[in-house]
């Protein structure tokens, strides 16, 4: 089984710099697992690494989608696995870096749905609903019949949402009632930096201030001028949505900053909860979160 290094965890925890340091030592490349870094033109509000910050390390799945386009989890999965396959064929250990949990799960695990049958007609029905009414409407169907499964999926993960609905319609039982076996694709080592909550929140506040000082409002205005609005998936990102609504409702910059800081803290809490459930993850104290320590853990496992 091919080896994989995953640097994950909450926003503002230093994932990017740690992943770059690790990739340099491994003479490898970084694969982004961030659902907002995929978009071209969303730079400031996503804290997208600059060319200088990348330090000569190749990064993948950044700036690959125009902001007006949606991008599914299955598209991400296909693109990421192709890069990983290429790197492993070259004898390199890929470094996956990001805080989007459903992206990371799409890479790490094969989809498993027990022994439930499939039905093309049922699947087509829900694909038609997705096309006609959108992913949020599709997701609402799952929330009604299987809230437990809905709680661990994301509306963007439409392939799994449709499959869960298909299982319920075929069997009358929830997918959450099945004991699906999780099958890892890779022999992975996962790392997250475990900042004390108060310190993490300070880092979040500082990052938001830097975003505003760097021109977040101007970036949002430029996207609006291109016709990007809340109907576009990219504008659901924290930072962009709040500024968009703030501009629309005449809020001042200070209020927008406070709302974004609060929403980002809430998001970080959800990320921590998600990654606490990731099998075999190592949570490192900030002072121990170095590339040397990460590679020690990688070598211990292998």
Protein backbone atom coordinates (compact mmCIF):
# COMPACT_ATOMS: atom_id res chain seq x y z
CA UNK A 1 0.00 0.00 0.00
CA UNK A 2 1.39 3.42 -0.99
CA UNK A 3 2.43 5.86 1.72
CA UNK A 4 0.79 9.23 2.23
CA UNK A 5 1.41 12.12 4.61
CA UNK A 6 -1.61 14.22 5.62
CA UNK A 7 -1.27 17.61 7.33
CA UNK A 8 -4.76 18.57 8.46
CA UNK A 9 -6.63 20.25 11.32
CA UNK A 10 -8.38 23.56 11.93
CA UNK A 11 -7.92 26.81 10.09
CA UNK A 12 -5.02 29.07 11.15
CA UNK A 13 -3.09 26.21 12.74
CA UNK A 14 -0.04 26.46 10.47
CA UNK A 15 -0.81 23.57 8.13
CA UNK A 16 0.58 25.18 4.98
CA UNK A 17 4.04 26.03 6.30
CA UNK A 18 4.40 22.66 8.01
CA UNK A 19 3.37 20.81 4.85
CA UNK A 20 5.86 22.77 2.77
CA UNK A 21 8.67 22.03 5.23
CA UNK A 22 7.79 18.33 5.12
CA UNK A 23 7.55 18.25 1.33
CA UNK A 24 10.99 19.86 1.04
CA UNK A 25 12.55 17.24 3.31
CA UNK A 26 10.75 14.45 1.47
CA UNK A 27 11.63 15.97 -1.94
CA UNK A 28 7.95 15.68 -2.76
CA UNK A 29 4.96 17.87 -3.62
CA UNK A 30 1.86 19.22 -1.87
CA UNK A 31 -1.72 18.37 -2.78
CA UNK A 32 -4.20 20.90 -1.44
CA UNK A 33 -7.29 19.57 0.33
CA UNK A 34 -9.06 22.90 0.67
CA UNK A 35 -12.43 23.45 -0.99
CA UNK A 36 -11.78 27.18 -1.47
CA UNK A 37 -8.18 27.16 -2.72
CA UNK A 38 -9.44 25.45 -5.87
CA UNK A 39 -10.97 28.74 -7.05
CA UNK A 40 -9.11 31.24 -9.21
CA UNK A 41 -9.32 34.80 -7.94
CA UNK A 42 -10.11 33.93 -4.33
CA UNK A 43 -6.73 34.69 -2.82
CA UNK A 44 -6.94 36.93 0.22
CA UNK A 45 -9.97 35.46 1.95
CA UNK A 46 -8.68 31.92 1.50
CA UNK A 47 -5.15 32.72 2.77
CA UNK A 48 -3.93 31.14 -0.47
CA UNK A 49 -0.16 30.58 -0.29
CA UNK A 50 1.87 32.87 -2.52
CA UNK A 51 4.59 31.67 -4.85
CA UNK A 52 7.17 32.92 -2.35
CA UNK A 53 5.50 31.05 0.51
CA UNK A 54 5.52 27.82 -1.52
CA UNK A 55 9.34 27.98 -1.45
CA UNK A 56 9.72 26.19 -4.76
CA UNK A 57 7.53 23.25 -3.72
CA UNK A 58 4.97 22.24 -6.36
CA UNK A 59 1.37 22.61 -5.19
CA UNK A 60 -1.60 20.91 -6.82
CA UNK A 61 -5.37 21.56 -6.91
CA UNK A 62 -5.00 25.29 -6.34
CA UNK A 63 -6.48 27.77 -8.85
CA UNK A 64 -8.05 25.06 -10.99
CA UNK A 65 -11.70 26.20 -11.14
CA UNK A 66 -13.25 29.54 -12.21
CA UNK A 67 -15.25 31.13 -9.36
CA UNK A 68 -18.58 30.87 -11.15
CA UNK A 69 -18.29 27.08 -11.39
CA UNK A 70 -19.26 24.42 -8.87
CA UNK A 71 -16.80 21.64 -8.11
CA UNK A 72 -17.95 18.32 -6.69
CA UNK A 73 -16.22 16.06 -4.23
CA UNK A 74 -16.03 13.33 -6.86
CA UNK A 75 -14.24 15.73 -9.23
CA UNK A 76 -11.80 16.57 -6.46
CA UNK A 77 -11.30 12.89 -5.66
CA UNK A 78 -10.51 12.04 -9.28
CA UNK A 79 -8.08 14.93 -9.66
CA UNK A 80 -6.29 14.31 -6.36
CA UNK A 81 -5.88 10.58 -6.92
CA UNK A 82 -4.31 11.20 -10.33
CA UNK A 83 -1.66 13.44 -8.77
CA UNK A 84 -1.05 10.96 -5.96
CA UNK A 85 -0.69 8.10 -8.44
CA UNK A 86 1.87 10.07 -10.40
CA UNK A 87 3.90 11.00 -7.33
CA UNK A 88 3.91 7.49 -5.88
CA UNK A 89 4.97 6.09 -9.26
CA UNK A 90 7.99 8.38 -8.97
CA UNK A 91 8.81 6.96 -5.55
CA UNK A 92 7.66 10.07 -3.68
CA UNK A 93 5.48 10.32 -0.59
CA UNK A 94 2.70 12.82 -1.43
CA UNK A 95 1.91 15.48 1.16
CA UNK A 96 -1.81 16.26 1.42
CA UNK A 97 -2.54 19.54 3.18
CA UNK A 98 -5.87 21.08 4.07
CA UNK A 99 -8.77 21.47 6.42
CA UNK A 100 -11.66 20.29 4.25
CA UNK A 101 -12.53 17.02 5.92
CA UNK A 102 -14.73 15.57 3.21
CA UNK A 103 -11.95 16.16 0.67
CA UNK A 104 -9.45 14.31 2.86
CA UNK A 105 -11.86 11.43 3.44
CA UNK A 106 -12.44 11.19 -0.31
CA UNK A 107 -8.70 10.66 -0.77
CA UNK A 108 -8.04 8.35 2.17
CA UNK A 109 -10.96 5.93 1.95
CA UNK A 110 -12.70 3.92 -0.70
CA UNK A 111 -16.45 4.30 -0.70
CA UNK A 112 -18.07 1.38 1.07
CA UNK A 113 -21.80 0.75 1.28
CA UNK A 114 -22.10 -2.73 2.66
CA UNK A 115 -24.08 -5.18 0.57
CA UNK A 116 -26.88 -2.83 -0.44
CA UNK A 117 -28.01 -3.22 -4.02
CA UNK A 118 -28.21 -0.39 -6.53
CA UNK A 119 -30.94 0.86 -8.82
CA UNK A 120 -30.19 3.05 -11.81
CA UNK A 121 -33.72 4.45 -11.95
CA UNK A 122 -33.66 5.59 -8.33
CA UNK A 123 -30.21 7.07 -8.73
CA UNK A 124 -31.29 8.91 -11.89
CA UNK A 125 -34.30 10.33 -10.06
CA UNK A 126 -32.06 11.94 -7.44
CA UNK A 127 -29.56 13.08 -10.05
CA UNK A 128 -32.45 14.84 -11.80
CA UNK A 129 -33.43 16.50 -8.51
CA UNK A 130 -29.83 17.62 -8.06
CA UNK A 131 -29.75 19.12 -11.56
CA UNK A 132 -33.14 20.82 -11.30
CA UNK A 133 -33.22 21.94 -7.67
CA UNK A 134 -29.61 22.01 -6.49
CA UNK A 135 -27.45 20.24 -3.94
CA UNK A 136 -29.02 21.90 -0.88
CA UNK A 137 -32.48 20.66 -1.87
CA UNK A 138 -31.10 17.18 -2.52
CA UNK A 139 -29.39 17.23 0.88
CA UNK A 140 -32.65 18.20 2.58
CA UNK A 141 -34.19 14.91 1.43
CA UNK A 142 -31.42 13.01 3.18
CA UNK A 143 -31.78 15.10 6.34
CA UNK A 144 -35.43 14.03 6.53
CA UNK A 145 -34.95 10.28 6.07
CA UNK A 146 -31.47 9.72 7.55
CA UNK A 147 -30.30 12.65 9.72
CA UNK A 148 -27.47 10.54 11.15
CA UNK A 149 -25.86 10.07 7.75
CA UNK A 150 -26.57 13.69 6.82
CA UNK A 151 -24.66 14.78 9.93
CA UNK A 152 -21.43 13.23 8.63
CA UNK A 153 -21.79 14.22 4.98
CA UNK A 154 -21.53 17.60 3.27
CA UNK A 155 -24.09 18.89 0.75
CA UNK A 156 -21.30 19.12 -1.83
CA UNK A 157 -20.64 15.38 -1.48
CA UNK A 158 -23.51 14.65 -3.84
CA UNK A 159 -22.33 11.19 -4.88
CA UNK A 160 -22.54 9.91 -1.30
CA UNK A 161 -25.77 11.80 -0.62
CA UNK A 162 -27.45 10.17 -3.62
CA UNK A 163 -26.16 6.75 -2.63
CA UNK A 164 -27.52 7.13 0.91
CA UNK A 165 -30.93 8.11 -0.49
CA UNK A 166 -30.80 5.16 -2.88
CA UNK A 167 -30.07 2.76 -0.02
CA UNK A 168 -32.99 4.10 2.01
CA UNK A 169 -35.41 3.89 -0.90
CA UNK A 170 -34.30 0.37 -1.83
CA UNK A 171 -34.17 -1.17 1.63
CA UNK A 172 -36.29 1.03 3.87
CA UNK A 173 -33.29 1.22 6.20
CA UNK A 174 -30.93 4.08 6.83
CA UNK A 175 -27.39 3.91 5.55
CA UNK A 176 -26.34 4.92 9.08
CA UNK A 177 -27.75 1.60 10.33
CA UNK A 178 -25.30 -0.35 8.15
CA UNK A 179 -21.89 -1.31 9.41
CA UNK A 180 -19.79 -0.25 6.46
CA UNK A 181 -16.17 -1.20 6.60
CA UNK A 182 -13.77 1.69 6.15
CA UNK A 183 -11.14 0.68 3.64
CA UNK A 184 -8.08 2.92 3.52
CA UNK A 185 -6.54 3.48 0.11
CA UNK A 186 -3.15 4.40 1.54
CA UNK A 187 -0.82 3.68 4.41
CA UNK A 188 -1.20 7.20 5.69
CA UNK A 189 0.20 9.22 8.55
CA UNK A 190 -2.05 12.11 9.61
CA UNK A 191 -0.81 15.12 11.59
CA UNK A 192 -2.64 18.07 13.15
CA UNK A 193 -1.34 20.91 15.30
CA UNK A 194 -3.09 21.07 18.67
CA UNK A 195 -3.13 24.74 19.67
CA UNK A 196 -4.85 25.64 22.96
CA UNK A 197 -8.27 26.94 22.00
CA UNK A 198 -7.59 30.49 23.18
CA UNK A 199 -4.34 30.64 21.22
CA UNK A 200 -6.02 29.26 18.10
CA UNK A 201 -8.71 31.91 18.34
CA UNK A 202 -6.05 34.62 18.63
CA UNK A 203 -4.42 33.27 15.47
CA UNK A 204 -7.79 33.32 13.71
CA UNK A 205 -8.44 36.91 14.75
CA UNK A 206 -4.98 37.93 13.54
CA UNK A 207 -5.51 36.18 10.20
CA UNK A 208 -8.84 37.93 9.65
CA UNK A 209 -7.24 41.31 10.41
CA UNK A 210 -4.48 40.57 7.90
CA UNK A 211 -7.09 39.65 5.27
CA UNK A 212 -8.87 42.98 5.66
CA UNK A 213 -5.62 44.91 5.70
CA UNK A 214 -4.56 43.08 2.53
CA UNK A 215 -7.71 44.08 0.63
CA UNK A 216 -10.41 41.49 1.27
CA UNK A 217 -13.22 43.98 0.65
CA UNK A 218 -11.68 45.03 -2.66
CA UNK A 219 -11.27 41.37 -3.65
CA UNK A 220 -14.95 40.70 -2.98
CA UNK A 221 -15.97 43.81 -4.90
CA UNK A 222 -13.92 42.68 -7.90
CA UNK A 223 -15.66 39.30 -7.85
CA UNK A 224 -19.08 40.94 -7.62
CA UNK A 225 -18.14 43.08 -10.61
CA UNK A 226 -17.55 39.86 -12.54
CA UNK A 227 -21.07 38.67 -11.74
CA UNK A 228 -20.15 36.35 -8.86
CA UNK A 229 -22.84 36.22 -6.16
CA UNK A 230 -24.19 33.99 -3.39
CA UNK A 231 -25.56 31.55 -5.99
CA UNK A 232 -21.95 30.59 -6.72
CA UNK A 233 -20.46 27.91 -4.51
CA UNK A 234 -17.25 29.87 -3.97
CA UNK A 235 -19.13 32.67 -2.21
CA UNK A 236 -20.25 30.28 0.51
CA UNK A 237 -16.72 30.47 1.92
CA UNK A 238 -16.34 32.19 5.26
CA UNK A 239 -15.10 35.70 4.65
CA UNK A 240 -16.58 36.14 1.21
CA UNK A 241 -20.18 35.52 2.19
CA UNK A 242 -19.99 37.90 5.16
CA UNK A 243 -18.35 40.70 3.16
CA UNK A 244 -20.84 40.25 0.32
CA UNK A 245 -23.77 40.50 2.73
CA UNK A 246 -22.07 43.31 4.63
CA UNK A 247 -21.67 45.37 1.48
CA UNK A 248 -25.26 44.66 0.50
CA UNK A 249 -26.59 45.68 3.91
CA UNK A 250 -24.31 48.66 4.50
CA UNK A 251 -22.32 47.19 7.40
CA UNK A 252 -19.06 48.86 8.37
CA UNK A 253 -15.72 47.08 8.14
CA UNK A 254 -15.41 46.58 11.90
CA UNK A 255 -18.72 44.74 12.05
CA UNK A 256 -17.77 42.55 9.10
CA UNK A 257 -14.47 41.67 10.79
CA UNK A 258 -16.23 40.66 13.99
CA UNK A 259 -18.77 38.47 12.17
CA UNK A 260 -16.03 36.71 10.18
CA UNK A 261 -13.94 36.12 13.31
CA UNK A 262 -16.92 34.59 15.10
CA UNK A 263 -17.91 32.39 12.15
CA UNK A 264 -14.31 31.26 11.62
CA UNK A 265 -14.00 30.25 15.28
CA UNK A 266 -17.18 28.19 14.95
CA UNK A 267 -15.83 26.59 11.79
CA UNK A 268 -12.55 25.74 13.53
CA UNK A 269 -14.50 23.98 16.30
CA UNK A 270 -16.31 21.88 13.70
CA UNK A 271 -13.01 21.04 12.01
CA UNK A 272 -11.48 19.91 15.31
CA UNK A 273 -14.50 17.70 16.01
CA UNK A 274 -14.22 16.18 12.53
CA UNK A 275 -10.50 15.47 12.65
CA UNK A 276 -10.63 14.06 16.18
CA UNK A 277 -12.47 11.15 14.55
CA UNK A 278 -9.81 10.53 11.89
CA UNK A 279 -8.22 7.16 12.53
CA UNK A 280 -4.64 7.25 13.74
CA UNK A 281 -4.21 11.02 13.69
CA UNK A 282 -1.34 12.54 15.70
CA UNK A 283 -2.09 15.83 17.46
CA UNK A 284 1.16 17.69 18.07
CA UNK A 285 1.74 20.55 20.47
CA UNK A 286 2.76 23.69 18.54
CA UNK A 287 6.32 23.53 19.86
CA UNK A 288 6.63 19.95 18.58
CA UNK A 289 5.00 20.54 15.20
CA UNK A 290 8.17 20.49 13.13
CA UNK A 291 8.99 18.72 9.90
CA UNK A 292 11.62 16.65 11.71
CA UNK A 293 9.06 15.42 14.26
CA UNK A 294 6.51 14.68 11.54
CA UNK A 295 9.04 12.62 9.58
CA UNK A 296 9.94 10.73 12.77
CA UNK A 297 6.29 9.74 13.10
CA UNK A 298 6.17 8.85 9.41
CA UNK A 299 9.21 6.59 9.79
CA UNK A 300 7.93 5.04 13.00
CA UNK A 301 4.82 3.94 11.19
CA UNK A 302 6.78 2.57 8.25
